[in-house]
C-alpha cells in the first residue's frame, strides 16, 4: 500500500512538470493575492473620498452680449415711404452712417418738390407783415406822444384863461363893492336933499342932480353885478371846456393806444405763425433727410424684411437687422430658483462653448481641458418666462480670452464654482438631497453694497 501511495505521488510530480492544464487549474501550491487587491482598492477608495471636490451649479445658456446695444437690432423706418434704391445687400458689412436704402414719398401733403422753398417764402412774407405792424405800432406810439403834448399845452392855455377869468371876477367883485358904497352915499345925499328941499335950503335943481347921481350909482351897481355874473359864467364855461379838452384828448389817446396794441397783437400773432412755419420747415427738412435710412452703428446686414423696388413701408416697419461687429460677449444662463441664493455677482464660472473640444471634470475645474473662465456680472431678481432666473456671465480678465469665433446665439454650458469640500461630503450631500454649501465670494458683498 505504501508503494502504491509513493507511486501516485511520483506520478503527480511528473504530471505537474509535463501537463500545462494541471498547473493552471490546481492552485494548491500558489498564494492567493485577492486580499492584497481588496486592501489596495479600499485604501485607494479612502484616499479618493478625502480628495477635495469643488461644488458647482450647472446651467445651460447661449452666447449673448453684456450691453444691449451690442445685440442684433432691428432697423425701422420712422416715416412711411416706398423703396426707391437699395445700397447694400444681406451679408454686407456697413459702418456707422452708411446709407442702407432710399425711400420715396407716399403722402400727398409732401409731393410738392419745392415745398421747402414755398414755406421759406411764406416765412419771409410773414416777417414783412410783422415789420409793418411793428412800424404801425411805433407810429401810434408817436401819435400818443404828440397827443399828450397837445393836451398838455391845451390844458395850460385853458388854465391861463381860467386864471385870467378868476382875476376878472375878483376885480369885478371889488368894483361891485365900490359901486354899492357909492350907491349908499348917493342914497344918503338924495334923502338929505329931500329934507333940505322941504326946509328951503336947496333948490329943486340940486335935488334933481342928486337924484340923477343916485340913479347913476344904482345903474353902475347893476352893470357891475351883470359883469361879475358874466365873468363867473365864463369861468364855468372855461372849466367845462377844460373837461371837454381832457375828454377829447383821452378819447384820441385811447383810440391811438388801441391801434397800437392791435398792431402789437397782430405782430405777435405773426411771430407765432412764423414759429409754426419754421417748425413745419424744420419738419420738412428733417423728413427729407429721413428718406435715407442710415446704419446706426458698425455691423453686418442680415434678415432683410423687404426686397423689391417700389415696395411700400409703413411707419415703424422693420427693414433689416444689423448685427454689431466686435461686441462685448457674455453668456446668458438661466438658473433654478433654488440655486439663486448661491449665485453672487463676481462669482467664478467655467464655461464650455459648443463647437470647441473639451474634457470636463466638474469637481476639479483646474484639471478640465477646453473650458473658459467667466465672472457673473448680472443676476436678475425677476423670474423669466421659463420659470428660471437670468444670469449674465462676462469674460474673466484673469483667464485666457474667449474664442474670437464666438457668434451670437451659440450654445454654452456654465459651471458655477462653489465651495471646496471632500468627496465623501459631496456624496453624502447628494444622497440626502441637501443643497451645496452657501458662501459669498470675498469682496462681493462690499462691491454689491457699494453699487
Protein backbone atom coordinates (compact mmCIF):
# COMPACT_ATOMS: atom_id res chain seq x y z
CA UNK A 1 0.00 0.00 0.00
CA UNK A 2 2.86 2.35 0.75
CA UNK A 3 4.35 1.55 -2.54
CA UNK A 4 1.10 2.47 -4.20
CA UNK A 5 0.98 5.89 -2.43
CA UNK A 6 4.53 6.63 -3.31
CA UNK A 7 3.79 5.73 -6.89
CA UNK A 8 0.89 8.14 -7.05
CA UNK A 9 2.95 10.94 -5.58
CA UNK A 10 5.63 10.37 -8.15
CA UNK A 11 3.02 10.37 -10.86
CA UNK A 12 1.60 13.78 -9.69
CA UNK A 13 5.02 15.34 -9.65
CA UNK A 14 5.67 14.03 -13.09
CA UNK A 15 2.32 15.42 -14.33
CA UNK A 16 2.95 18.85 -12.86
CA UNK A 17 6.03 19.17 -14.91
CA UNK A 18 4.61 17.83 -18.13
CA UNK A 19 0.88 18.79 -18.22
CA UNK A 20 0.12 22.55 -18.51
CA UNK A 21 -3.58 22.25 -17.63
CA UNK A 22 -2.63 20.70 -14.34
CA UNK A 23 -0.51 23.72 -13.37
CA UNK A 24 -3.20 26.16 -14.42
CA UNK A 25 -6.17 24.54 -12.72
CA UNK A 26 -4.74 23.43 -9.45
CA UNK A 27 -3.63 26.34 -7.23
CA UNK A 28 -2.56 24.27 -4.27
CA UNK A 29 1.00 25.46 -4.26
CA UNK A 30 0.22 29.12 -5.14
CA UNK A 31 -0.55 32.07 -2.72
CA UNK A 32 -3.90 34.00 -3.18
CA UNK A 33 -3.45 37.84 -3.90
CA UNK A 34 -7.18 38.83 -3.72
CA UNK A 35 -6.80 40.14 -0.22
CA UNK A 36 -3.99 42.40 -1.25
CA UNK A 37 -6.05 43.73 -4.17
CA UNK A 38 -9.04 44.30 -1.91
CA UNK A 39 -6.97 46.18 0.66
CA UNK A 40 -5.30 48.24 -2.08
CA UNK A 41 -8.58 49.20 -3.68
CA UNK A 42 -10.04 50.00 -0.26
CA UNK A 43 -7.10 52.28 0.52
CA UNK A 44 -7.44 53.95 -2.90
CA UNK A 45 -11.17 54.43 -2.31
CA UNK A 46 -10.48 56.05 1.08
CA UNK A 47 -7.90 58.33 -0.49
CA UNK A 48 -10.37 59.33 -3.23
CA UNK A 49 -13.05 60.04 -0.64
CA UNK A 50 -10.88 62.57 1.15
CA UNK A 51 -9.79 64.32 -2.05
CA UNK A 52 -11.12 67.91 -2.44
CA UNK A 53 -14.17 68.42 -4.64
CA UNK A 54 -15.42 71.78 -5.90
CA UNK A 55 -19.17 72.06 -5.52
CA UNK A 56 -20.85 73.61 -8.56
CA UNK A 57 -24.10 74.59 -10.19
CA UNK A 58 -24.63 73.62 -13.80
CA UNK A 59 -26.71 75.64 -16.21
CA UNK A 60 -27.14 75.88 -19.95
CA UNK A 61 -27.37 79.08 -21.91
CA UNK A 62 -26.34 80.84 -25.07
CA UNK A 63 -23.86 83.44 -26.20
CA UNK A 64 -25.22 86.97 -25.83
CA UNK A 65 -23.71 90.38 -25.10
CA UNK A 66 -23.04 92.28 -21.93
CA UNK A 67 -24.51 95.54 -23.28
CA UNK A 68 -27.84 95.73 -25.07
CA UNK A 69 -26.55 97.98 -27.85
CA UNK A 70 -24.17 95.17 -28.91
CA UNK A 71 -27.04 92.78 -29.59
CA UNK A 72 -28.67 92.37 -33.01
CA UNK A 73 -31.05 95.25 -33.58
CA UNK A 74 -33.86 95.91 -35.98
CA UNK A 75 -33.61 98.90 -38.29
CA UNK A 76 -37.05 100.52 -38.64
CA UNK A 77 -38.46 103.30 -40.74
CA UNK A 78 -39.50 106.49 -39.00
CA UNK A 79 -41.76 107.70 -41.81
CA UNK A 80 -43.82 105.73 -44.34
CA UNK A 81 -42.46 105.52 -47.85
CA UNK A 82 -41.68 103.34 -50.82
CA UNK A 83 -38.31 101.76 -51.57
CA UNK A 84 -36.52 103.55 -54.39
CA UNK A 85 -33.00 102.15 -54.13
CA UNK A 86 -31.01 99.63 -52.08
CA UNK A 87 -27.38 100.46 -51.34
CA UNK A 88 -26.50 97.19 -49.54
CA UNK A 89 -27.38 93.52 -49.62
CA UNK A 90 -27.64 90.84 -46.97
CA UNK A 91 -24.26 89.89 -45.55
CA UNK A 92 -22.61 93.25 -46.28
CA UNK A 93 -20.67 94.97 -43.53
CA UNK A 94 -21.52 98.62 -43.01
CA UNK A 95 -20.06 101.42 -40.94
CA UNK A 96 -21.99 103.84 -38.83
CA UNK A 97 -23.70 106.41 -41.07
CA UNK A 98 -23.61 104.32 -44.26
CA UNK A 99 -26.76 104.51 -46.39
CA UNK A 100 -28.88 101.35 -46.35
CA UNK A 101 -31.66 102.40 -48.72
CA UNK A 102 -33.51 105.41 -50.09
CA UNK A 103 -37.25 105.96 -49.62
CA UNK A 104 -39.72 107.84 -51.77
CA UNK A 105 -42.69 109.90 -50.56
CA UNK A 106 -46.16 108.35 -50.38
CA UNK A 107 -48.15 111.13 -48.70
CA UNK A 108 -49.88 113.73 -50.87
CA UNK A 109 -49.05 116.54 -48.43
CA UNK A 110 -45.35 116.24 -49.25
CA UNK A 111 -45.43 115.68 -53.01
CA UNK A 112 -44.52 119.32 -53.83
CA UNK A 113 -40.86 119.27 -54.98
CA UNK A 114 -40.32 122.89 -53.87
CA UNK A 115 -42.24 122.58 -50.61
CA UNK A 116 -39.34 123.88 -48.53
CA UNK A 117 -38.82 126.93 -50.79
CA UNK A 118 -42.52 127.81 -50.67
CA UNK A 119 -42.58 127.53 -46.90
CA UNK A 120 -39.50 129.76 -46.72
CA UNK A 121 -41.27 132.40 -48.82
CA UNK A 122 -44.28 132.25 -46.50
CA UNK A 123 -41.96 132.88 -43.58
CA UNK A 124 -40.39 135.86 -45.34
CA UNK A 125 -43.85 137.31 -46.15
CA UNK A 126 -44.91 136.93 -42.54
CA UNK A 127 -41.73 138.64 -41.40
CA UNK A 128 -42.52 141.60 -43.68
CA UNK A 129 -46.04 141.78 -42.26
CA UNK A 130 -44.64 141.77 -38.74
CA UNK A 131 -42.32 144.65 -39.60
CA UNK A 132 -45.31 146.61 -40.95
CA UNK A 133 -47.30 146.01 -37.78
CA UNK A 134 -44.31 146.95 -35.65
CA UNK A 135 -43.93 150.19 -37.67
CA UNK A 136 -47.63 150.93 -37.22
CA UNK A 137 -47.28 150.37 -33.50
CA UNK A 138 -44.31 152.74 -33.37
CA UNK A 139 -46.28 155.37 -35.31
CA UNK A 140 -49.18 155.01 -32.91
CA UNK A 141 -46.75 155.49 -30.05
CA UNK A 142 -45.50 158.71 -31.61
CA UNK A 143 -49.09 159.87 -32.14
CA UNK A 144 -49.79 159.24 -28.49
CA UNK A 145 -46.77 161.31 -27.50
CA UNK A 146 -47.94 164.14 -29.79
CA UNK A 147 -51.49 163.98 -28.40
CA UNK A 148 -50.20 164.03 -24.85
CA UNK A 149 -48.10 167.11 -25.65
CA UNK A 150 -51.03 168.84 -27.39
CA UNK A 151 -53.32 168.05 -24.47
CA UNK A 152 -50.75 169.43 -22.08
CA UNK A 153 -50.42 172.71 -23.98
CA UNK A 154 -54.18 172.98 -24.48
CA UNK A 155 -54.81 172.47 -20.79
CA UNK A 156 -52.16 175.05 -19.97
CA UNK A 157 -53.98 177.54 -22.28
CA UNK A 158 -57.33 176.83 -20.65
CA UNK A 159 -55.73 177.13 -17.21
CA UNK A 160 -54.35 180.53 -18.19
CA UNK A 161 -57.79 181.64 -19.33
CA UNK A 162 -59.27 180.40 -16.08
CA UNK A 163 -56.70 182.35 -14.13
CA UNK A 164 -57.44 185.48 -16.15
CA UNK A 165 -61.16 184.98 -15.68
CA UNK A 166 -60.65 184.46 -11.99
CA UNK A 167 -58.76 187.75 -11.83
CA UNK A 168 -61.62 189.49 -13.68
CA UNK A 169 -64.11 188.06 -11.20
CA UNK A 170 -62.01 189.36 -8.34
CA UNK A 171 -61.76 192.81 -9.96
CA UNK A 172 -65.49 192.91 -10.67
CA UNK A 173 -66.20 191.90 -7.08
CA UNK A 174 -64.12 194.84 -5.85
CA UNK A 175 -65.84 197.18 -8.34
CA UNK A 176 -69.24 195.97 -7.17
CA UNK A 177 -68.35 196.71 -3.56
CA UNK A 178 -67.20 200.22 -4.57
CA UNK A 179 -70.39 200.77 -6.60
CA UNK A 180 -72.51 199.66 -3.66
CA UNK A 181 -70.64 202.03 -1.36
CA UNK A 182 -71.13 204.88 -3.84
CA UNK A 183 -74.80 203.98 -4.16
CA UNK A 184 -75.18 204.20 -0.38
CA UNK A 185 -73.54 207.61 -0.41
CA UNK A 186 -75.80 208.78 -3.23
CA UNK A 187 -78.79 207.44 -1.32
CA UNK A 188 -77.88 209.43 1.81
CA UNK A 189 -77.26 212.54 -0.21
CA UNK A 190 -80.57 212.17 -2.07
CA UNK A 191 -82.53 211.69 1.14
CA UNK A 192 -80.74 214.65 2.76
CA UNK A 193 -81.54 216.78 -0.30
CA UNK A 194 -85.23 215.95 0.02
CA UNK A 195 -85.18 217.12 3.64
CA UNK A 196 -83.27 220.22 2.76
CA UNK A 197 -85.69 220.94 -0.11
CA UNK A 198 -88.61 220.87 2.25
CA UNK A 199 -86.83 223.37 4.54
CA UNK A 200 -85.87 225.56 1.54
CA UNK A 201 -82.13 225.06 1.99
CA UNK A 202 -81.53 223.83 -1.58
CA UNK A 203 -83.24 224.26 -4.87
CA UNK A 204 -85.12 221.72 -6.89
CA UNK A 205 -82.26 221.65 -9.38
CA UNK A 206 -79.86 220.39 -6.75
CA UNK A 207 -82.37 217.74 -5.75
CA UNK A 208 -82.64 216.56 -9.33
CA UNK A 209 -78.89 216.41 -9.64
CA UNK A 210 -78.65 214.25 -6.56
CA UNK A 211 -81.49 212.05 -7.82
CA UNK A 212 -79.64 211.56 -11.13
CA UNK A 213 -76.41 210.77 -9.27
CA UNK A 214 -78.29 208.24 -7.16
CA UNK A 215 -79.80 206.65 -10.25
CA UNK A 216 -76.41 206.58 -12.00
CA UNK A 217 -74.93 204.85 -8.93
CA UNK A 218 -77.72 202.26 -8.99
CA UNK A 219 -77.18 201.71 -12.71
CA UNK A 220 -73.44 201.28 -12.13
CA UNK A 221 -74.12 198.70 -9.41
CA UNK A 222 -76.40 196.78 -11.76
CA UNK A 223 -73.86 196.94 -14.56
CA UNK A 224 -71.10 195.76 -12.23
CA UNK A 225 -73.24 192.88 -10.96
CA UNK A 226 -74.06 191.86 -14.55
CA UNK A 227 -70.41 191.97 -15.49
CA UNK A 228 -69.48 189.90 -12.44
CA UNK A 229 -72.14 187.34 -13.31
CA UNK A 230 -70.89 187.17 -16.88
CA UNK A 231 -67.31 186.64 -15.74
CA UNK A 232 -68.40 183.89 -13.34
CA UNK A 233 -70.36 182.22 -16.13
CA UNK A 234 -67.35 182.48 -18.39
CA UNK A 235 -65.25 180.86 -15.66
CA UNK A 236 -67.68 177.94 -15.53
CA UNK A 237 -67.58 177.69 -19.32
CA UNK A 238 -63.79 177.54 -19.22
CA UNK A 239 -63.91 174.73 -16.65
CA UNK A 240 -66.37 172.86 -18.88
CA UNK A 241 -64.05 173.48 -21.83
CA UNK A 242 -61.16 172.11 -19.84
CA UNK A 243 -63.06 168.94 -19.05
CA UNK A 244 -64.08 168.68 -22.70
CA UNK A 245 -60.45 169.05 -23.81
CA UNK A 246 -59.37 166.33 -21.38
CA UNK A 247 -62.16 164.02 -22.54
CA UNK A 248 -61.45 164.62 -26.23
CA UNK A 249 -57.75 164.00 -25.89
CA UNK A 250 -58.27 160.96 -23.68
CA UNK A 251 -60.58 159.55 -26.31
CA UNK A 252 -58.00 160.18 -29.02
CA UNK A 253 -55.24 158.71 -26.85
CA UNK A 254 -57.35 155.64 -26.08
CA UNK A 255 -58.10 155.09 -29.74
CA UNK A 256 -54.46 155.52 -30.70
CA UNK A 257 -53.34 153.23 -27.90
CA UNK A 258 -55.92 150.67 -29.01
CA UNK A 259 -54.50 150.84 -32.55
CA UNK A 260 -51.01 150.42 -31.09
CA UNK A 261 -51.99 147.37 -29.05
CA UNK A 262 -53.84 145.94 -32.02
CA UNK A 263 -50.68 146.30 -34.12
CA UNK A 264 -48.59 144.71 -31.38
CA UNK A 265 -51.10 141.84 -31.14
CA UNK A 266 -51.03 141.29 -34.89
CA UNK A 267 -47.23 141.34 -34.80
CA UNK A 268 -47.26 138.75 -32.00
CA UNK A 269 -49.69 136.58 -33.97
CA UNK A 270 -47.39 136.91 -36.94
CA UNK A 271 -44.45 135.76 -34.83
CA UNK A 272 -46.49 132.78 -33.65
CA UNK A 273 -47.32 131.92 -37.26
CA UNK A 274 -43.66 132.32 -38.18
CA UNK A 275 -42.69 129.95 -35.36
CA UNK A 276 -45.26 127.47 -36.66
CA UNK A 277 -44.00 127.83 -40.22
CA UNK A 278 -40.39 127.48 -39.08
CA UNK A 279 -41.39 124.33 -37.23
CA UNK A 280 -43.03 123.00 -40.39
CA UNK A 281 -39.94 123.96 -42.39
CA UNK A 282 -37.69 122.12 -39.94
CA UNK A 283 -40.00 119.10 -40.09
CA UNK A 284 -39.97 119.16 -43.88
CA UNK A 285 -36.18 119.40 -43.90
CA UNK A 286 -35.86 116.59 -41.35
CA UNK A 287 -38.33 114.48 -43.34
CA UNK A 288 -36.21 114.89 -46.45
CA UNK A 289 -33.23 113.55 -44.50
CA UNK A 290 -35.31 110.60 -43.28
CA UNK A 291 -35.72 109.44 -46.87
CA UNK A 292 -32.22 107.95 -46.49
CA UNK A 293 -32.04 105.11 -43.95
CA UNK A 294 -28.59 105.13 -42.32
CA UNK A 295 -26.77 102.47 -40.32
CA UNK A 296 -26.87 103.37 -36.59
CA UNK A 297 -23.59 101.53 -35.88
CA UNK A 298 -20.96 99.27 -37.40
CA UNK A 299 -22.31 95.83 -38.18
CA UNK A 300 -23.45 93.25 -40.69
CA UNK A 301 -26.74 93.43 -42.60
CA UNK A 302 -28.97 90.38 -42.06
CA UNK A 303 -32.63 89.39 -42.36
CA UNK A 304 -33.93 91.89 -44.92
CA UNK A 305 -37.71 92.09 -44.48
CA UNK A 306 -38.36 93.93 -47.77
CA UNK A 307 -36.66 93.30 -51.06
CA UNK A 308 -38.34 94.79 -54.11
CA UNK A 309 -38.06 98.28 -55.53
CA UNK A 310 -41.30 100.19 -55.04
CA UNK A 311 -42.49 98.21 -52.03
CA UNK A 312 -44.30 100.41 -49.54
CA UNK A 313 -43.12 100.56 -45.93
CA UNK A 314 -45.35 101.58 -43.08
CA UNK A 315 -44.28 103.89 -40.30
CA UNK A 316 -42.05 102.00 -37.84
CA UNK A 317 -41.87 98.87 -40.01
CA UNK A 318 -38.80 96.64 -39.74
CA UNK A 319 -36.47 96.80 -42.75
CA UNK A 320 -33.33 94.81 -41.90
CA UNK A 321 -31.43 93.54 -38.89
CA UNK A 322 -27.91 94.71 -38.02
CA UNK A 323 -25.52 92.50 -36.07
CA UNK A 324 -22.84 94.69 -34.40
CA UNK A 325 -19.17 93.98 -35.03
CA UNK A 326 -16.86 93.04 -32.14
CA UNK A 327 -19.44 93.10 -29.36
CA UNK A 328 -18.62 92.50 -25.70
CA UNK A 329 -19.72 88.90 -25.48
CA UNK A 330 -21.39 87.42 -22.44
CA UNK A 331 -23.12 84.12 -21.71
CA UNK A 332 -26.79 84.27 -20.85
CA UNK A 333 -27.69 81.45 -18.47
CA UNK A 334 -30.86 80.52 -16.60
CA UNK A 335 -30.56 79.01 -13.13
CA UNK A 336 -33.09 77.24 -10.97
CA UNK A 337 -34.82 79.25 -8.20
CA UNK A 338 -33.28 77.03 -5.52
CA UNK A 339 -29.81 77.91 -6.82
CA UNK A 340 -30.44 81.66 -6.81
CA UNK A 341 -29.25 82.24 -3.20
CA UNK A 342 -25.97 80.51 -4.12
CA UNK A 343 -25.32 82.85 -7.06
CA UNK A 344 -23.48 86.10 -6.40
CA UNK A 345 -22.08 88.90 -8.55
CA UNK A 346 -18.35 88.33 -9.01
CA UNK A 347 -18.62 84.56 -8.70
CA UNK A 348 -16.31 82.47 -10.91
CA UNK A 349 -17.82 80.32 -13.66
CA UNK A 350 -16.28 77.77 -16.01
CA UNK A 351 -17.78 77.82 -19.48
CA UNK A 352 -17.97 75.25 -22.27
CA UNK A 353 -18.84 76.59 -25.72
CA UNK A 354 -20.47 74.48 -28.42
CA UNK A 355 -18.08 73.52 -31.17
CA UNK A 356 -14.91 73.59 -29.07
CA UNK A 357 -13.31 70.35 -27.81
CA UNK A 358 -13.41 69.94 -24.09
CA UNK A 359 -12.77 67.47 -21.30
CA UNK A 360 -14.67 68.48 -18.19
CA UNK A 361 -14.12 67.41 -14.59
CA UNK A 362 -16.75 69.49 -12.85
CA UNK A 363 -15.34 68.81 -9.38
CA UNK A 364 -11.75 69.57 -10.45
CA UNK A 365 -12.04 72.69 -12.65
CA UNK A 366 -8.25 73.11 -12.80
CA UNK A 367 -7.96 69.66 -14.37
CA UNK A 368 -10.52 70.38 -17.10
CA UNK A 369 -9.43 70.98 -20.66
CA UNK A 370 -11.03 73.41 -23.13
CA UNK A 371 -13.08 75.39 -20.60
CA UNK A 372 -13.02 79.18 -20.35
CA UNK A 373 -13.28 81.42 -17.35
CA UNK A 374 -16.13 83.79 -16.64
CA UNK A 375 -17.42 86.10 -13.92
CA UNK A 376 -21.07 86.65 -13.03
CA UNK A 377 -21.85 90.34 -13.61
CA UNK A 378 -25.67 90.44 -13.60
CA UNK A 379 -28.18 88.45 -11.56
CA UNK A 380 -31.76 89.37 -12.36
CA UNK A 381 -34.17 89.37 -9.44
CA UNK A 382 -37.29 88.76 -11.52
CA UNK A 383 -38.19 85.34 -12.83
CA UNK A 384 -38.19 84.78 -16.59
CA UNK A 385 -40.93 83.23 -18.67
CA UNK A 386 -39.32 79.79 -18.34
CA UNK A 387 -39.58 79.92 -14.53
CA UNK A 388 -35.83 80.44 -14.04
CA UNK A 389 -33.65 83.42 -13.23
CA UNK A 390 -31.44 85.03 -15.84
CA UNK A 391 -27.70 85.45 -15.21
CA UNK A 392 -25.11 87.17 -17.40
CA UNK A 393 -21.53 85.91 -17.30
CA UNK A 394 -18.77 88.12 -18.69
CA UNK A 395 -15.23 87.18 -19.69
CA UNK A 396 -12.84 86.75 -16.77
CA UNK A 397 -9.90 89.12 -17.39
CA UNK A 398 -7.66 86.92 -15.25
CA UNK A 399 -8.26 83.90 -17.52
CA UNK A 400 -7.41 83.26 -21.17
CA UNK A 401 -9.53 85.14 -23.68
CA UNK A 402 -12.68 83.64 -25.11
CA UNK A 403 -12.55 82.35 -28.71
CA UNK A 404 -12.77 85.08 -31.33
CA UNK A 405 -15.02 82.87 -33.46
CA UNK A 406 -17.92 83.04 -31.00
CA UNK A 407 -21.19 84.14 -32.52
CA UNK A 408 -24.43 85.44 -31.11
CA UNK A 409 -26.85 82.68 -30.12
CA UNK A 410 -24.23 79.94 -29.89
CA UNK A 411 -24.80 77.33 -27.18
CA UNK A 412 -22.85 77.34 -23.93
CA UNK A 413 -22.78 75.43 -20.67
CA UNK A 414 -21.79 77.04 -17.42
CA UNK A 415 -20.40 75.52 -14.24
CA UNK A 416 -20.70 77.96 -11.37
CA UNK A 417 -17.99 77.13 -8.83
CA UNK A 418 -18.90 76.99 -5.15
CA UNK A 419 -17.09 75.73 -2.05
CA UNK A 420 -14.30 73.12 -1.96
CA UNK A 421 -15.42 70.09 0.11
CA UNK A 422 -14.21 66.46 0.44
CA UNK A 423 -15.69 63.95 -1.97
CA UNK A 424 -17.26 61.92 0.84
CA UNK A 425 -19.17 65.03 1.96
CA UNK A 426 -20.37 65.70 -1.58
CA UNK A 427 -21.57 62.09 -1.89
CA UNK A 428 -23.36 62.32 1.45
CA UNK A 429 -24.96 65.63 0.43
CA UNK A 430 -26.25 64.26 -2.88
CA UNK A 431 -27.58 61.08 -1.25
CA UNK A 432 -29.54 63.15 1.26
CA UNK A 433 -30.61 65.80 -1.29
CA UNK A 434 -29.01 68.72 0.59
CA UNK A 435 -28.14 71.91 -1.35
CA UNK A 436 -24.49 72.90 -1.88
CA UNK A 437 -22.64 74.90 0.76
CA UNK A 438 -23.63 78.59 0.67
CA UNK A 439 -20.83 81.10 0.57
CA UNK A 440 -20.03 84.55 -0.76
CA UNK A 441 -17.03 85.41 -2.87
CA UNK A 442 -14.59 87.53 -0.91
CA UNK A 443 -15.24 91.21 -1.57
CA UNK A 444 -18.51 90.55 -3.41
CA UNK A 445 -20.81 91.84 -0.68
CA UNK A 446 -18.88 95.03 -0.28
CA UNK A 447 -18.90 95.65 -4.03
CA UNK A 448 -22.62 94.92 -4.24
CA UNK A 449 -23.39 97.33 -1.41
CA UNK A 450 -21.20 99.98 -2.99
CA UNK A 451 -23.11 99.64 -6.24
